[in-house]
């Protein structure tokens, strides 16, 4: 698997607002179909920490080394970890919220980095959809974000469109002009599925059973309060 460390421009999703307190819950907490995460070599130390502005002793809950991200163009004063599912409309709303926030606030765009963590729900079509996004990202992190935006924009359209892995492959071929043979090979590889299980396991270790689940400085927050929570760290005296 190619490690995602390149920079990208996050595309804005035009979408309707959905209640920020809501979320999607995995329909079965004990996996009936579980890839073998041991085949994914995740033994890479993420030495970035939770962010320079977090209080001393803040636990670093997530290894973000492999995760696609946006923001943090100048410094990484705060890391935001977003555990998300590609069939969850509330995740689509969070993606719109965070994208607009970074577009409108240069201070946040410069100093805060938001990482995407995969949390596919427990059926194979969901894992295939996330696998297609990972495979696109292997050909450049900007391609992951293009697929991310495509999936969520469809979900928030009127009427909503719930795209499949096959739709993502077609989008990657017709719009992104990716190497489709390589994408399909990566999408179906044991390494990709092991990575997805490893990434989901990080969230499960924090007792995450629904999406979106958003963490800042070791704390799970209400995703609708993202801007207020960020500002409380960037500007603590105000």
C-alpha atoms as a PDB file:
ATOM      1  CA  UNK A   1       0.000   0.000   0.000  1.00  0.00           C
ATOM      2  CA  UNK A   2       1.273   3.459  -0.855  1.00  0.00           C
ATOM      3  CA  UNK A   3       1.563   5.699   2.195  1.00  0.00           C
ATOM      4  CA  UNK A   4      -0.535   8.855   1.959  1.00  0.00           C
ATOM      5  CA  UNK A   5       1.818  11.770   2.693  1.00  0.00           C
ATOM      6  CA  UNK A   6       1.297  14.106  -0.274  1.00  0.00           C
ATOM      7  CA  UNK A   7      -0.583  17.406  -0.056  1.00  0.00           C
ATOM      8  CA  UNK A   8      -4.010  17.978  -1.539  1.00  0.00           C
ATOM      9  CA  UNK A   9      -6.728  20.527  -2.114  1.00  0.00           C
ATOM     10  CA  UNK A  10     -10.009  19.474  -0.591  1.00  0.00           C
ATOM     11  CA  UNK A  11     -13.012  19.899  -2.901  1.00  0.00           C
ATOM     12  CA  UNK A  12     -16.091  21.578  -1.436  1.00  0.00           C
ATOM     13  CA  UNK A  13     -19.312  19.601  -1.253  1.00  0.00           C
ATOM     14  CA  UNK A  14     -22.503  21.523  -1.922  1.00  0.00           C
ATOM     15  CA  UNK A  15     -25.007  19.905   0.402  1.00  0.00           C
ATOM     16  CA  UNK A  16     -28.034  20.376   2.605  1.00  0.00           C
ATOM     17  CA  UNK A  17     -27.569  20.639   6.365  1.00  0.00           C
ATOM     18  CA  UNK A  18     -28.392  17.645   8.549  1.00  0.00           C
ATOM     19  CA  UNK A  19     -28.722  17.716  12.335  1.00  0.00           C
ATOM     20  CA  UNK A  20     -25.264  17.842  13.853  1.00  0.00           C
ATOM     21  CA  UNK A  21     -26.179  15.756  16.878  1.00  0.00           C
ATOM     22  CA  UNK A  22     -27.221  12.831  14.692  1.00  0.00           C
ATOM     23  CA  UNK A  23     -25.109   9.979  13.421  1.00  0.00           C
ATOM     24  CA  UNK A  24     -25.147   6.538  11.815  1.00  0.00           C
ATOM     25  CA  UNK A  25     -24.687   3.378  13.871  1.00  0.00           C
ATOM     26  CA  UNK A  26     -23.118   0.147  12.743  1.00  0.00           C
ATOM     27  CA  UNK A  27     -25.961  -2.351  12.486  1.00  0.00           C
ATOM     28  CA  UNK A  28     -24.008  -5.202  14.074  1.00  0.00           C
ATOM     29  CA  UNK A  29     -21.354  -4.572  16.699  1.00  0.00           C
ATOM     30  CA  UNK A  30     -19.861  -8.060  16.556  1.00  0.00           C
ATOM     31  CA  UNK A  31     -18.389  -8.475  13.069  1.00  0.00           C
ATOM     32  CA  UNK A  32     -19.887 -11.261  11.027  1.00  0.00           C
ATOM     33  CA  UNK A  33     -17.322 -10.652   8.297  1.00  0.00           C
ATOM     34  CA  UNK A  34     -13.913  -9.459   9.436  1.00  0.00           C
ATOM     35  CA  UNK A  35     -10.718  -9.187   7.351  1.00  0.00           C
ATOM     36  CA  UNK A  36      -7.431 -10.207   8.925  1.00  0.00           C
ATOM     37  CA  UNK A  37      -5.807  -6.977  10.114  1.00  0.00           C
ATOM     38  CA  UNK A  38      -2.587  -8.808  10.979  1.00  0.00           C
ATOM     39  CA  UNK A  39      -1.552  -8.859   7.315  1.00  0.00           C
ATOM     40  CA  UNK A  40      -1.309  -5.060   7.310  1.00  0.00           C
ATOM     41  CA  UNK A  41       2.027  -3.739   8.503  1.00  0.00           C
ATOM     42  CA  UNK A  42       0.981  -0.821  10.702  1.00  0.00           C
ATOM     43  CA  UNK A  43       4.240  -0.757  12.641  1.00  0.00           C
ATOM     44  CA  UNK A  44       4.974   2.843  11.768  1.00  0.00           C
ATOM     45  CA  UNK A  45       5.299   5.287  14.614  1.00  0.00           C
ATOM     46  CA  UNK A  46       3.121   8.362  14.236  1.00  0.00           C
ATOM     47  CA  UNK A  47       5.311  10.923  15.959  1.00  0.00           C
ATOM     48  CA  UNK A  48       3.190  13.967  15.140  1.00  0.00           C
ATOM     49  CA  UNK A  49       1.212  13.800  18.395  1.00  0.00           C
ATOM     50  CA  UNK A  50      -2.326  15.147  18.907  1.00  0.00           C
ATOM     51  CA  UNK A  51      -1.256  18.742  18.232  1.00  0.00           C
ATOM     52  CA  UNK A  52       0.988  21.344  19.829  1.00  0.00           C
ATOM     53  CA  UNK A  53      -1.927  23.147  21.494  1.00  0.00           C
ATOM     54  CA  UNK A  54      -3.278  20.090  23.314  1.00  0.00           C
ATOM     55  CA  UNK A  55      -2.699  20.021  27.089  1.00  0.00           C
ATOM     56  CA  UNK A  56       0.399  18.147  28.321  1.00  0.00           C
ATOM     57  CA  UNK A  57      -0.320  14.462  28.751  1.00  0.00           C
ATOM     58  CA  UNK A  58      -3.094  14.385  26.131  1.00  0.00           C
ATOM     59  CA  UNK A  59      -3.311  10.810  24.804  1.00  0.00           C
ATOM     60  CA  UNK A  60      -2.528  10.324  21.125  1.00  0.00           C
ATOM     61  CA  UNK A  61      -5.448   8.049  20.317  1.00  0.00           C
ATOM     62  CA  UNK A  62      -4.959   7.545  16.578  1.00  0.00           C
ATOM     63  CA  UNK A  63      -2.062   6.641  14.319  1.00  0.00           C
ATOM     64  CA  UNK A  64      -2.569   9.125  11.487  1.00  0.00           C
ATOM     65  CA  UNK A  65       0.516   8.176   9.485  1.00  0.00           C
ATOM     66  CA  UNK A  66      -1.433   6.298   6.818  1.00  0.00           C
ATOM     67  CA  UNK A  67      -4.478   8.579   6.782  1.00  0.00           C
ATOM     68  CA  UNK A  68      -5.398  11.070   4.067  1.00  0.00           C
ATOM     69  CA  UNK A  69      -5.710  14.606   5.397  1.00  0.00           C
ATOM     70  CA  UNK A  70      -6.365  18.225   4.541  1.00  0.00           C
ATOM     71  CA  UNK A  71      -5.386  21.467   6.244  1.00  0.00           C
ATOM     72  CA  UNK A  72      -2.301  22.117   8.325  1.00  0.00           C
ATOM     73  CA  UNK A  73      -0.740  24.096   5.496  1.00  0.00           C
ATOM     74  CA  UNK A  74       1.643  26.038   7.764  1.00  0.00           C
ATOM     75  CA  UNK A  75       1.738  24.138  11.070  1.00  0.00           C
ATOM     76  CA  UNK A  76      -0.166  21.327  12.770  1.00  0.00           C
ATOM     77  CA  UNK A  77      -1.269  22.920  16.021  1.00  0.00           C
ATOM     78  CA  UNK A  78      -4.283  20.626  16.254  1.00  0.00           C
ATOM     79  CA  UNK A  79      -5.065  17.228  14.771  1.00  0.00           C
ATOM     80  CA  UNK A  80      -8.682  16.248  14.161  1.00  0.00           C
ATOM     81  CA  UNK A  81      -9.389  12.543  13.648  1.00  0.00           C
ATOM     82  CA  UNK A  82     -12.646  11.816  11.831  1.00  0.00           C
ATOM     83  CA  UNK A  83     -13.933   8.222  11.830  1.00  0.00           C
ATOM     84  CA  UNK A  84     -16.296   8.050   8.899  1.00  0.00           C
ATOM     85  CA  UNK A  85     -18.425   5.734   6.761  1.00  0.00           C
ATOM     86  CA  UNK A  86     -19.109   6.226   3.053  1.00  0.00           C
ATOM     87  CA  UNK A  87     -22.814   5.397   3.336  1.00  0.00           C
ATOM     88  CA  UNK A  88     -23.570   7.719   6.271  1.00  0.00           C
ATOM     89  CA  UNK A  89     -25.346  10.990   5.333  1.00  0.00           C
ATOM     90  CA  UNK A  90     -24.232  12.551   8.618  1.00  0.00           C
ATOM     91  CA  UNK A  91     -20.626  11.866   7.605  1.00  0.00           C
ATOM     92  CA  UNK A  92     -21.367  13.631   4.334  1.00  0.00           C
ATOM     93  CA  UNK A  93     -22.695  16.604   6.290  1.00  0.00           C
ATOM     94  CA  UNK A  94     -19.554  16.672   8.447  1.00  0.00           C
ATOM     95  CA  UNK A  95     -17.405  16.622   5.323  1.00  0.00           C
ATOM     96  CA  UNK A  96     -19.316  19.643   4.009  1.00  0.00           C
ATOM     97  CA  UNK A  97     -19.054  21.426   7.345  1.00  0.00           C
ATOM     98  CA  UNK A  98     -15.306  20.863   7.692  1.00  0.00           C
ATOM     99  CA  UNK A  99     -14.578  21.742   4.064  1.00  0.00           C
ATOM    100  CA  UNK A 100     -16.479  25.003   4.296  1.00  0.00           C
ATOM    101  CA  UNK A 101     -14.784  25.802   7.588  1.00  0.00           C
ATOM    102  CA  UNK A 102     -11.308  25.428   6.116  1.00  0.00           C
ATOM    103  CA  UNK A 103     -12.331  27.374   3.026  1.00  0.00           C
ATOM    104  CA  UNK A 104     -13.669  30.295   5.066  1.00  0.00           C
ATOM    105  CA  UNK A 105     -11.065  30.356   7.861  1.00  0.00           C
ATOM    106  CA  UNK A 106      -7.448  30.721   6.739  1.00  0.00           C
ATOM    107  CA  UNK A 107      -6.242  30.465  10.348  1.00  0.00           C
ATOM    108  CA  UNK A 108      -7.838  27.032  10.665  1.00  0.00           C
ATOM    109  CA  UNK A 109      -6.687  25.976   7.204  1.00  0.00           C
ATOM    110  CA  UNK A 110      -3.115  26.928   8.147  1.00  0.00           C
ATOM    111  CA  UNK A 111      -2.997  25.426  11.638  1.00  0.00           C
ATOM    112  CA  UNK A 112      -5.434  22.493  11.871  1.00  0.00           C
ATOM    113  CA  UNK A 113      -5.162  19.184  10.049  1.00  0.00           C
ATOM    114  CA  UNK A 114      -8.193  16.920   9.643  1.00  0.00           C
ATOM    115  CA  UNK A 115      -7.513  13.210   9.078  1.00  0.00           C
ATOM    116  CA  UNK A 116      -9.926  10.717   7.558  1.00  0.00           C
ATOM    117  CA  UNK A 117     -10.214   7.309   9.242  1.00  0.00           C
ATOM    118  CA  UNK A 118     -12.176   4.528   7.559  1.00  0.00           C
ATOM    119  CA  UNK A 119     -15.069   2.982   9.474  1.00  0.00           C
ATOM    120  CA  UNK A 120     -16.866   0.675   7.007  1.00  0.00           C
ATOM    121  CA  UNK A 121     -19.983  -0.936   8.429  1.00  0.00           C
ATOM    122  CA  UNK A 122     -20.210  -4.711   8.624  1.00  0.00           C
ATOM    123  CA  UNK A 123     -21.166  -5.890   5.173  1.00  0.00           C
ATOM    124  CA  UNK A 124     -18.982  -6.582   2.198  1.00  0.00           C
ATOM    125  CA  UNK A 125     -20.346  -3.928  -0.184  1.00  0.00           C
ATOM    126  CA  UNK A 126     -19.368  -1.237   2.336  1.00  0.00           C
ATOM    127  CA  UNK A 127     -15.842  -2.593   2.577  1.00  0.00           C
ATOM    128  CA  UNK A 128     -15.598  -2.707  -1.218  1.00  0.00           C
ATOM    129  CA  UNK A 129     -16.626   0.959  -1.419  1.00  0.00           C
ATOM    130  CA  UNK A 130     -13.994   2.002   1.122  1.00  0.00           C
ATOM    131  CA  UNK A 131     -11.484  -0.238  -0.619  1.00  0.00           C
ATOM    132  CA  UNK A 132     -12.100   1.543  -3.917  1.00  0.00           C
ATOM    133  CA  UNK A 133     -11.420   4.891  -2.230  1.00  0.00           C
ATOM    134  CA  UNK A 134      -8.190   3.558  -0.689  1.00  0.00           C
ATOM    135  CA  UNK A 135      -7.109   2.211  -4.064  1.00  0.00           C
ATOM    136  CA  UNK A 136      -7.741   5.574  -5.710  1.00  0.00           C
ATOM    137  CA  UNK A 137      -5.673   7.233  -2.992  1.00  0.00           C
ATOM    138  CA  UNK A 138      -2.785   4.901  -3.756  1.00  0.00           C
ATOM    139  CA  UNK A 139      -2.483   6.804  -7.041  1.00  0.00           C
ATOM    140  CA  UNK A 140      -2.338  10.179  -5.255  1.00  0.00           C
ATOM    141  CA  UNK A 141      -4.045  11.497  -2.161  1.00  0.00           C
ATOM    142  CA  UNK A 142      -5.899  14.064  -4.267  1.00  0.00           C
ATOM    143  CA  UNK A 143      -7.659  11.113  -5.921  1.00  0.00           C
ATOM    144  CA  UNK A 144      -8.858   9.828  -2.555  1.00  0.00           C
ATOM    145  CA  UNK A 145     -10.389  13.240  -1.814  1.00  0.00           C
ATOM    146  CA  UNK A 146     -11.970  13.397  -5.272  1.00  0.00           C
ATOM    147  CA  UNK A 147     -13.620  10.010  -4.661  1.00  0.00           C
ATOM    148  CA  UNK A 148     -14.579  11.086  -1.117  1.00  0.00           C
ATOM    149  CA  UNK A 149     -16.312  14.194  -2.479  1.00  0.00           C
ATOM    150  CA  UNK A 150     -17.988  12.270  -5.283  1.00  0.00           C
ATOM    151  CA  UNK A 151     -19.504   9.746  -2.864  1.00  0.00           C
ATOM    152  CA  UNK A 152     -20.716  12.285  -0.330  1.00  0.00           C
ATOM    153  CA  UNK A 153     -21.972  14.800  -2.900  1.00  0.00           C
ATOM    154  CA  UNK A 154     -24.126  12.068  -4.406  1.00  0.00           C
ATOM    155  CA  UNK A 155     -25.522  11.173  -1.012  1.00  0.00           C
ATOM    156  CA  UNK A 156     -26.508  14.773  -0.333  1.00  0.00           C
ATOM    157  CA  UNK A 157     -28.000  15.452  -3.728  1.00  0.00           C
ATOM    158  CA  UNK A 158     -31.748  15.663  -4.326  1.00  0.00           C
ATOM    159  CA  UNK A 159     -32.700  12.883  -4.755  1.00  0.00           C
ATOM    160  CA  UNK A 160     -29.773  11.204  -3.007  1.00  0.00           C
ATOM    161  CA  UNK A 161     -27.481   8.847  -4.895  1.00  0.00           C
ATOM    162  CA  UNK A 162     -25.746   6.048  -2.977  1.00  0.00           C
ATOM    163  CA  UNK A 163     -22.781   5.100  -5.098  1.00  0.00           C
ATOM    164  CA  UNK A 164     -21.251   1.632  -5.183  1.00  0.00           C
ATOM    165  CA  UNK A 165     -17.665   0.505  -5.625  1.00  0.00           C
ATOM    166  CA  UNK A 166     -18.463  -0.066  -9.298  1.00  0.00           C
ATOM    167  CA  UNK A 167     -19.597   3.560  -9.596  1.00  0.00           C
ATOM    168  CA  UNK A 168     -16.328   4.691  -8.025  1.00  0.00           C
ATOM    169  CA  UNK A 169     -14.348   2.619 -10.538  1.00  0.00           C
ATOM    170  CA  UNK A 170     -16.274   4.240 -13.388  1.00  0.00           C
ATOM    171  CA  UNK A 171     -15.679   7.713 -11.888  1.00  0.00           C
ATOM    172  CA  UNK A 172     -11.970   6.952 -11.481  1.00  0.00           C
ATOM    173  CA  UNK A 173     -11.782   5.873 -15.110  1.00  0.00           C
ATOM    174  CA  UNK A 174     -13.924   8.544 -16.772  1.00  0.00           C
ATOM    175  CA  UNK A 175     -13.091  11.578 -14.604  1.00  0.00           C
ATOM    176  CA  UNK A 176      -9.797  10.929 -12.798  1.00  0.00           C
ATOM    177  CA  UNK A 177      -8.135   8.911 -15.593  1.00  0.00           C
ATOM    178  CA  UNK A 178      -6.522   6.514 -13.143  1.00  0.00           C
ATOM    179  CA  UNK A 179      -4.884   3.199 -13.929  1.00  0.00           C
ATOM    180  CA  UNK A 180      -8.023   1.096 -13.546  1.00  0.00           C
ATOM    181  CA  UNK A 181      -6.316  -2.296 -13.647  1.00  0.00           C
ATOM    182  CA  UNK A 182      -4.091  -1.204 -10.766  1.00  0.00           C
ATOM    183  CA  UNK A 183      -7.039   0.327  -8.914  1.00  0.00           C
ATOM    184  CA  UNK A 184      -9.041  -2.916  -9.102  1.00  0.00           C
ATOM    185  CA  UNK A 185      -6.008  -4.945  -8.042  1.00  0.00           C
ATOM    186  CA  UNK A 186      -5.396  -2.671  -5.048  1.00  0.00           C
ATOM    187  CA  UNK A 187      -9.083  -2.510  -4.178  1.00  0.00           C
ATOM    188  CA  UNK A 188      -9.303  -6.292  -3.881  1.00  0.00           C
ATOM    189  CA  UNK A 189      -5.950  -6.883  -2.194  1.00  0.00           C
ATOM    190  CA  UNK A 190      -5.553  -8.408   1.254  1.00  0.00           C
ATOM    191  CA  UNK A 191      -3.373  -5.436   2.198  1.00  0.00           C
ATOM    192  CA  UNK A 192      -6.195  -2.966   1.516  1.00  0.00           C
ATOM    193  CA  UNK A 193      -8.752  -4.939   3.496  1.00  0.00           C
ATOM    194  CA  UNK A 194      -6.280  -5.459   6.321  1.00  0.00           C
ATOM    195  CA  UNK A 195      -5.632  -1.709   6.372  1.00  0.00           C
ATOM    196  CA  UNK A 196      -9.355  -0.981   6.576  1.00  0.00           C
ATOM    197  CA  UNK A 197      -9.798  -3.399   9.465  1.00  0.00           C
ATOM    198  CA  UNK A 198      -6.751  -1.962  11.251  1.00  0.00           C
ATOM    199  CA  UNK A 199      -8.082   1.573  10.807  1.00  0.00           C
ATOM    200  CA  UNK A 200     -11.543   0.606  12.063  1.00  0.00           C
ATOM    201  CA  UNK A 201      -9.943  -1.180  15.006  1.00  0.00           C
ATOM    202  CA  UNK A 202      -8.432   2.129  16.095  1.00  0.00           C
ATOM    203  CA  UNK A 203     -11.936   3.561  16.407  1.00  0.00           C
ATOM    204  CA  UNK A 204     -13.325   0.461  18.100  1.00  0.00           C
ATOM    205  CA  UNK A 205     -10.550   0.768  20.693  1.00  0.00           C
ATOM    206  CA  UNK A 206     -12.079   4.165  21.579  1.00  0.00           C
ATOM    207  CA  UNK A 207     -15.566   2.604  21.823  1.00  0.00           C
ATOM    208  CA  UNK A 208     -16.714   4.111  18.556  1.00  0.00           C
ATOM    209  CA  UNK A 209     -19.761   2.285  17.225  1.00  0.00           C
ATOM    210  CA  UNK A 210     -21.214   4.991  14.990  1.00  0.00           C
ATOM    211  CA  UNK A 211     -20.230   7.702  12.560  1.00  0.00           C
ATOM    212  CA  UNK A 212     -19.128  10.389  12.260  1.00  0.00           C
ATOM    213  CA  UNK A 213     -16.992  10.191  15.405  1.00  0.00           C
ATOM    214  CA  UNK A 214     -14.649  13.156  15.715  1.00  0.00           C
ATOM    215  CA  UNK A 215     -11.758  13.526  18.159  1.00  0.00           C
ATOM    216  CA  UNK A 216      -9.642  16.540  19.153  1.00  0.00           C
ATOM    217  CA  UNK A 217      -6.943  16.447  21.851  1.00  0.00           C
ATOM    218  CA  UNK A 218      -8.010  13.000  23.015  1.00  0.00           C
ATOM    219  CA  UNK A 219     -11.665  14.028  23.381  1.00  0.00           C
ATOM    220  CA  UNK A 220     -14.634  12.848  21.351  1.00  0.00           C
ATOM    221  CA  UNK A 221     -16.660  15.921  20.388  1.00  0.00           C
ATOM    222  CA  UNK A 222     -20.060  16.619  18.901  1.00  0.00           C
ATOM    223  CA  UNK A 223     -19.177  17.007  15.230  1.00  0.00           C
ATOM    224  CA  UNK A 224     -21.415  20.046  14.849  1.00  0.00           C
ATOM    225  CA  UNK A 225     -19.300  21.890  17.429  1.00  0.00           C
ATOM    226  CA  UNK A 226     -16.103  21.550  15.381  1.00  0.00           C
ATOM    227  CA  UNK A 227     -15.463  25.271  14.901  1.00  0.00           C
ATOM    228  CA  UNK A 228     -16.175  26.191  18.521  1.00  0.00           C
ATOM    229  CA  UNK A 229     -13.953  23.392  19.811  1.00  0.00           C
ATOM    230  CA  UNK A 230     -11.101  24.352  17.488  1.00  0.00           C
ATOM    231  CA  UNK A 231     -11.387  27.998  18.520  1.00  0.00           C
ATOM    232  CA  UNK A 232     -11.241  27.038  22.199  1.00  0.00           C
ATOM    233  CA  UNK A 233      -7.724  25.721  21.556  1.00  0.00           C
ATOM    234  CA  UNK A 234      -6.546  28.304  19.020  1.00  0.00           C
ATOM    235  CA  UNK A 235      -7.797  31.262  21.094  1.00  0.00           C
ATOM    236  CA  UNK A 236      -8.096  30.073  24.723  1.00  0.00           C
ATOM    237  CA  UNK A 237      -8.146  33.587  26.218  1.00  0.00           C
ATOM    238  CA  UNK A 238     -11.071  34.869  24.188  1.00  0.00           C
END
